[in-house]
């Protein structure tokens, strides 16, 4: 797996985007009123507007993500190693993902490459 994304959810996308623009010294690679994406060293920093949990069933929650070549196989291996998936692999609007939590409760997304 490779580290791929840090996602922040906010009520003020413009303010967060302006902050990270100054911090990183660059404009976002993609931006609109609901989100911005900065790419740094092959990793995306996603700033996304908070939303009401809808069809995906996922609440907007800050998280980080890793990409796997074969998401289903990677998840099966993690379960075999004793880890628990909070959301098993499934298709979302943004692609195929699964979710789990580390021992401190941080949300981790695993996505298909």
N, C-alpha and C. Protein backbone atom coordinates (compact mmCIF):
# COMPACT_ATOMS: atom_id res chain seq x y z
N UNK A 1 0.84 -1.18 0.00
CA UNK A 1 0.00 0.00 0.00
C UNK A 1 0.89 1.24 0.00
N UNK A 2 0.35 2.31 -0.53
CA UNK A 2 1.08 3.57 -0.51
C UNK A 2 0.20 4.68 0.07
N UNK A 3 0.85 5.58 0.81
CA UNK A 3 0.15 6.71 1.40
C UNK A 3 -0.35 7.60 0.28
N UNK A 4 -1.64 8.00 0.33
CA UNK A 4 -2.18 8.73 -0.81
C UNK A 4 -2.90 10.03 -0.47
N UNK A 5 -3.47 10.16 0.76
CA UNK A 5 -4.32 11.33 0.99
C UNK A 5 -4.47 11.64 2.47
N UNK A 6 -4.60 12.93 2.74
CA UNK A 6 -5.06 13.44 4.02
C UNK A 6 -6.30 14.26 3.69
N UNK A 7 -7.40 13.99 4.41
CA UNK A 7 -8.66 14.68 4.13
C UNK A 7 -9.12 15.45 5.36
N UNK A 8 -9.42 16.73 5.15
CA UNK A 8 -9.97 17.59 6.19
C UNK A 8 -11.35 18.05 5.76
N UNK A 9 -12.31 17.97 6.67
CA UNK A 9 -13.66 18.46 6.42
C UNK A 9 -13.86 19.73 7.24
N UNK A 10 -14.48 20.73 6.63
CA UNK A 10 -14.57 22.04 7.25
C UNK A 10 -15.87 22.74 6.89
N UNK A 11 -16.24 23.70 7.70
CA UNK A 11 -17.39 24.55 7.38
C UNK A 11 -16.98 25.77 6.56
N UNK A 12 -15.66 25.98 6.38
CA UNK A 12 -15.17 27.14 5.66
C UNK A 12 -14.03 26.73 4.71
N UNK A 13 -14.41 26.19 3.55
CA UNK A 13 -13.43 25.71 2.57
C UNK A 13 -12.51 26.84 2.13
N UNK A 14 -13.06 28.03 1.90
CA UNK A 14 -12.25 29.14 1.44
C UNK A 14 -11.15 29.50 2.45
N UNK A 15 -11.51 29.58 3.70
CA UNK A 15 -10.55 29.93 4.75
C UNK A 15 -9.45 28.86 4.86
N UNK A 16 -9.84 27.59 4.85
CA UNK A 16 -8.85 26.50 4.92
C UNK A 16 -7.97 26.49 3.68
N UNK A 17 -8.57 26.70 2.51
CA UNK A 17 -7.79 26.71 1.28
C UNK A 17 -6.78 27.85 1.30
N UNK A 18 -7.21 29.03 1.71
CA UNK A 18 -6.29 30.17 1.80
C UNK A 18 -5.15 29.89 2.77
N UNK A 19 -5.47 29.27 3.90
CA UNK A 19 -4.45 28.95 4.90
C UNK A 19 -3.40 28.01 4.29
N UNK A 20 -3.84 26.91 3.68
CA UNK A 20 -2.89 25.95 3.12
C UNK A 20 -2.17 26.49 1.88
N UNK A 21 -2.79 27.39 1.17
CA UNK A 21 -2.11 28.06 0.05
C UNK A 21 -0.90 28.84 0.58
N UNK A 22 -1.11 29.57 1.67
CA UNK A 22 0.00 30.32 2.27
C UNK A 22 1.05 29.39 2.88
N UNK A 23 0.60 28.37 3.60
CA UNK A 23 1.52 27.43 4.24
C UNK A 23 2.39 26.70 3.22
N UNK A 24 1.77 26.22 2.15
CA UNK A 24 2.48 25.42 1.16
C UNK A 24 3.14 26.26 0.07
N UNK A 25 2.75 27.53 -0.04
CA UNK A 25 3.33 28.40 -1.05
C UNK A 25 2.91 28.03 -2.46
N UNK A 26 1.71 27.48 -2.59
CA UNK A 26 1.22 27.13 -3.92
C UNK A 26 -0.30 27.13 -3.92
N UNK A 27 -0.85 27.32 -5.11
CA UNK A 27 -2.31 27.26 -5.27
C UNK A 27 -2.75 25.80 -5.30
N UNK A 28 -4.00 25.53 -4.97
CA UNK A 28 -4.49 24.15 -5.09
C UNK A 28 -4.48 23.69 -6.54
N UNK A 29 -4.32 22.41 -6.72
CA UNK A 29 -4.34 21.83 -8.07
C UNK A 29 -5.75 21.83 -8.64
N UNK A 30 -6.74 21.67 -7.74
CA UNK A 30 -8.15 21.67 -8.11
C UNK A 30 -8.88 22.41 -6.99
N UNK A 31 -9.85 23.25 -7.35
CA UNK A 31 -10.60 23.95 -6.31
C UNK A 31 -11.95 24.40 -6.84
N UNK A 32 -12.94 24.36 -5.96
CA UNK A 32 -14.22 24.99 -6.20
C UNK A 32 -14.77 25.39 -4.83
N UNK A 33 -16.01 25.80 -4.76
CA UNK A 33 -16.53 26.30 -3.49
C UNK A 33 -16.69 25.22 -2.43
N UNK A 34 -16.72 23.94 -2.84
CA UNK A 34 -16.92 22.85 -1.89
C UNK A 34 -15.67 22.06 -1.55
N UNK A 35 -14.58 22.26 -2.29
CA UNK A 35 -13.38 21.49 -2.01
C UNK A 35 -12.17 22.07 -2.70
N UNK A 36 -11.01 21.66 -2.19
CA UNK A 36 -9.73 22.00 -2.82
C UNK A 36 -8.81 20.81 -2.63
N UNK A 37 -7.93 20.60 -3.60
CA UNK A 37 -6.95 19.52 -3.51
C UNK A 37 -5.58 20.10 -3.82
N UNK A 38 -4.67 19.93 -2.87
CA UNK A 38 -3.26 20.26 -3.06
C UNK A 38 -2.53 18.93 -3.19
N UNK A 39 -1.63 18.81 -4.16
CA UNK A 39 -0.82 17.61 -4.29
C UNK A 39 0.61 17.96 -3.90
N UNK A 40 1.12 17.22 -2.91
CA UNK A 40 2.45 17.47 -2.38
C UNK A 40 3.19 16.13 -2.37
N UNK A 41 4.22 16.00 -3.17
CA UNK A 41 5.00 14.77 -3.19
C UNK A 41 4.18 13.53 -3.49
N UNK A 42 3.19 13.66 -4.35
CA UNK A 42 2.36 12.53 -4.73
C UNK A 42 1.23 12.22 -3.76
N UNK A 43 1.12 13.00 -2.68
CA UNK A 43 0.05 12.82 -1.70
C UNK A 43 -0.93 13.98 -1.84
N UNK A 44 -2.21 13.69 -1.79
CA UNK A 44 -3.23 14.74 -1.89
C UNK A 44 -3.64 15.23 -0.51
N UNK A 45 -3.74 16.53 -0.38
CA UNK A 45 -4.37 17.14 0.78
C UNK A 45 -5.72 17.62 0.29
N UNK A 46 -6.78 16.94 0.75
CA UNK A 46 -8.14 17.25 0.34
C UNK A 46 -8.81 18.08 1.41
N UNK A 47 -9.32 19.23 1.03
CA UNK A 47 -10.12 20.07 1.91
C UNK A 47 -11.53 20.01 1.35
N UNK A 48 -12.47 19.55 2.15
CA UNK A 48 -13.82 19.31 1.66
C UNK A 48 -14.82 19.93 2.62
N UNK A 49 -15.90 20.46 2.08
CA UNK A 49 -16.94 21.03 2.92
C UNK A 49 -17.62 19.94 3.75
N UNK A 50 -17.98 20.28 4.98
CA UNK A 50 -18.79 19.37 5.78
C UNK A 50 -20.11 19.13 5.05
N UNK A 51 -20.71 18.00 5.27
CA UNK A 51 -21.98 17.70 4.64
C UNK A 51 -22.80 16.84 5.60
N UNK A 52 -24.07 16.76 5.32
CA UNK A 52 -24.95 15.88 6.07
C UNK A 52 -24.83 14.50 5.48
N UNK A 53 -24.67 13.51 6.33
CA UNK A 53 -24.53 12.14 5.85
C UNK A 53 -25.69 11.83 4.92
N UNK A 54 -25.34 11.39 3.73
CA UNK A 54 -26.37 11.12 2.73
C UNK A 54 -26.34 9.68 2.28
N UNK A 55 -26.42 9.51 0.98
CA UNK A 55 -26.52 8.19 0.39
C UNK A 55 -25.34 7.28 0.68
N UNK A 56 -24.14 7.85 0.86
CA UNK A 56 -22.98 7.00 1.11
C UNK A 56 -23.02 6.41 2.51
N UNK A 57 -23.72 7.08 3.43
CA UNK A 57 -23.76 6.62 4.81
C UNK A 57 -22.54 6.98 5.61
N UNK A 58 -21.58 7.65 4.98
CA UNK A 58 -20.35 8.02 5.67
C UNK A 58 -20.44 9.46 6.15
N UNK A 59 -20.14 9.66 7.43
CA UNK A 59 -20.11 11.01 7.97
C UNK A 59 -18.82 11.70 7.54
N UNK A 60 -18.84 13.02 7.37
CA UNK A 60 -17.61 13.73 7.04
C UNK A 60 -16.66 13.70 8.24
N UNK A 61 -15.55 13.04 8.10
CA UNK A 61 -14.61 12.90 9.21
C UNK A 61 -13.19 12.97 8.67
N UNK A 62 -12.36 13.80 9.31
CA UNK A 62 -10.97 13.89 8.92
C UNK A 62 -10.36 12.48 8.94
N UNK A 63 -9.53 12.20 7.93
CA UNK A 63 -8.90 10.89 7.85
C UNK A 63 -7.68 10.94 6.94
N UNK A 64 -6.95 9.85 6.93
CA UNK A 64 -5.88 9.70 5.95
C UNK A 64 -6.13 8.42 5.19
N UNK A 65 -5.48 8.30 4.02
CA UNK A 65 -5.81 7.19 3.13
C UNK A 65 -4.56 6.55 2.54
N UNK A 66 -4.71 5.26 2.27
CA UNK A 66 -3.69 4.48 1.58
C UNK A 66 -4.35 3.83 0.36
N UNK A 67 -3.56 3.66 -0.71
CA UNK A 67 -4.06 2.99 -1.91
C UNK A 67 -3.46 1.60 -1.99
N UNK A 68 -4.28 0.66 -2.43
CA UNK A 68 -3.85 -0.72 -2.63
C UNK A 68 -4.12 -1.13 -4.07
N UNK A 69 -3.25 -1.96 -4.62
CA UNK A 69 -3.47 -2.47 -5.98
C UNK A 69 -4.73 -3.31 -6.04
N UNK A 70 -4.95 -4.14 -5.03
CA UNK A 70 -6.13 -5.01 -4.96
C UNK A 70 -6.77 -4.80 -3.60
N UNK A 71 -7.75 -3.93 -3.53
CA UNK A 71 -8.37 -3.54 -2.26
C UNK A 71 -8.96 -4.74 -1.53
N UNK A 72 -9.68 -5.59 -2.23
CA UNK A 72 -10.32 -6.73 -1.58
C UNK A 72 -9.29 -7.67 -0.96
N UNK A 73 -8.22 -7.94 -1.69
CA UNK A 73 -7.17 -8.82 -1.17
C UNK A 73 -6.46 -8.17 0.02
N UNK A 74 -6.19 -6.87 -0.07
CA UNK A 74 -5.52 -6.17 1.03
C UNK A 74 -6.39 -6.20 2.28
N UNK A 75 -7.69 -5.99 2.13
CA UNK A 75 -8.60 -6.02 3.28
C UNK A 75 -8.68 -7.41 3.88
N UNK A 76 -8.75 -8.43 3.03
CA UNK A 76 -8.79 -9.81 3.52
C UNK A 76 -7.54 -10.12 4.33
N UNK A 77 -6.39 -9.66 3.86
CA UNK A 77 -5.14 -9.89 4.58
C UNK A 77 -5.14 -9.18 5.93
N UNK A 78 -5.65 -7.95 5.96
CA UNK A 78 -5.71 -7.21 7.22
C UNK A 78 -6.63 -7.90 8.23
N UNK A 79 -7.75 -8.40 7.76
CA UNK A 79 -8.68 -9.13 8.64
C UNK A 79 -8.01 -10.40 9.17
N UNK A 80 -7.28 -11.10 8.29
CA UNK A 80 -6.54 -12.30 8.72
C UNK A 80 -5.52 -11.97 9.80
N UNK A 81 -4.99 -10.74 9.76
CA UNK A 81 -4.00 -10.31 10.74
C UNK A 81 -4.65 -9.77 12.02
N UNK A 82 -5.98 -9.82 12.09
CA UNK A 82 -6.68 -9.43 13.31
C UNK A 82 -7.22 -8.02 13.34
N UNK A 83 -7.13 -7.30 12.23
CA UNK A 83 -7.69 -5.95 12.19
C UNK A 83 -9.17 -6.03 11.79
N UNK A 84 -9.93 -5.05 12.22
CA UNK A 84 -11.37 -5.02 11.92
C UNK A 84 -11.69 -3.88 10.97
N UNK A 85 -12.47 -4.17 9.97
CA UNK A 85 -12.94 -3.14 9.04
C UNK A 85 -14.23 -2.54 9.58
N UNK A 86 -14.30 -1.22 9.56
CA UNK A 86 -15.54 -0.53 9.94
C UNK A 86 -16.51 -0.51 8.77
N UNK A 87 -15.96 -0.33 7.57
CA UNK A 87 -16.74 -0.38 6.33
C UNK A 87 -15.98 -1.30 5.38
N UNK A 88 -16.60 -2.39 4.98
CA UNK A 88 -15.96 -3.33 4.06
C UNK A 88 -15.86 -2.70 2.67
N UNK A 89 -15.02 -3.24 1.80
CA UNK A 89 -14.84 -2.65 0.47
C UNK A 89 -16.17 -2.53 -0.28
N UNK A 90 -16.38 -1.33 -0.81
CA UNK A 90 -17.57 -1.10 -1.64
C UNK A 90 -17.33 0.10 -2.54
N UNK A 91 -18.20 0.25 -3.52
CA UNK A 91 -18.08 1.34 -4.48
C UNK A 91 -18.80 2.58 -3.98
N UNK A 92 -18.11 3.71 -4.06
CA UNK A 92 -18.65 5.03 -3.73
C UNK A 92 -18.55 5.90 -4.97
N UNK A 93 -19.08 7.12 -4.89
CA UNK A 93 -18.97 8.07 -6.01
C UNK A 93 -17.51 8.33 -6.39
N UNK A 94 -16.61 8.32 -5.42
CA UNK A 94 -15.21 8.65 -5.65
C UNK A 94 -14.36 7.42 -5.96
N UNK A 95 -14.93 6.22 -5.93
CA UNK A 95 -14.17 5.01 -6.22
C UNK A 95 -14.44 3.92 -5.20
N UNK A 96 -13.65 2.88 -5.25
CA UNK A 96 -13.82 1.73 -4.34
C UNK A 96 -12.96 1.96 -3.10
N UNK A 97 -13.60 1.89 -1.92
CA UNK A 97 -12.90 2.15 -0.66
C UNK A 97 -13.41 1.24 0.45
N UNK A 98 -12.59 1.14 1.49
CA UNK A 98 -12.95 0.48 2.75
C UNK A 98 -12.40 1.36 3.87
N UNK A 99 -12.92 1.18 5.09
CA UNK A 99 -12.51 2.03 6.20
C UNK A 99 -12.27 1.21 7.46
N UNK A 100 -11.28 1.62 8.23
CA UNK A 100 -11.00 1.04 9.53
C UNK A 100 -10.46 2.14 10.44
N UNK A 101 -10.24 1.80 11.69
CA UNK A 101 -9.73 2.77 12.66
C UNK A 101 -8.47 2.22 13.32
N UNK A 102 -7.54 3.14 13.61
CA UNK A 102 -6.35 2.73 14.34
C UNK A 102 -6.70 2.64 15.84
N UNK A 103 -5.78 2.19 16.69
CA UNK A 103 -6.10 2.02 18.11
C UNK A 103 -6.54 3.31 18.81
N UNK A 104 -6.16 4.47 18.30
CA UNK A 104 -6.59 5.74 18.90
C UNK A 104 -7.88 6.27 18.28
N UNK A 105 -8.48 5.54 17.36
CA UNK A 105 -9.76 5.93 16.79
C UNK A 105 -9.70 6.76 15.53
N UNK A 106 -8.49 7.03 14.99
CA UNK A 106 -8.39 7.78 13.74
C UNK A 106 -8.92 6.94 12.59
N UNK A 107 -9.71 7.57 11.74
CA UNK A 107 -10.27 6.89 10.58
C UNK A 107 -9.22 6.76 9.48
N UNK A 108 -9.16 5.57 8.89
CA UNK A 108 -8.23 5.28 7.80
C UNK A 108 -9.05 4.78 6.62
N UNK A 109 -8.83 5.38 5.48
CA UNK A 109 -9.47 4.92 4.25
C UNK A 109 -8.46 4.08 3.47
N UNK A 110 -8.92 2.97 2.95
CA UNK A 110 -8.14 2.17 2.01
C UNK A 110 -8.88 2.25 0.69
N UNK A 111 -8.16 2.57 -0.37
CA UNK A 111 -8.82 2.72 -1.66
C UNK A 111 -8.12 1.91 -2.73
N UNK A 112 -8.86 1.62 -3.78
CA UNK A 112 -8.31 0.87 -4.91
C UNK A 112 -7.50 1.80 -5.78
N UNK A 113 -6.32 1.37 -6.18
CA UNK A 113 -5.48 2.16 -7.08
C UNK A 113 -6.14 2.28 -8.43
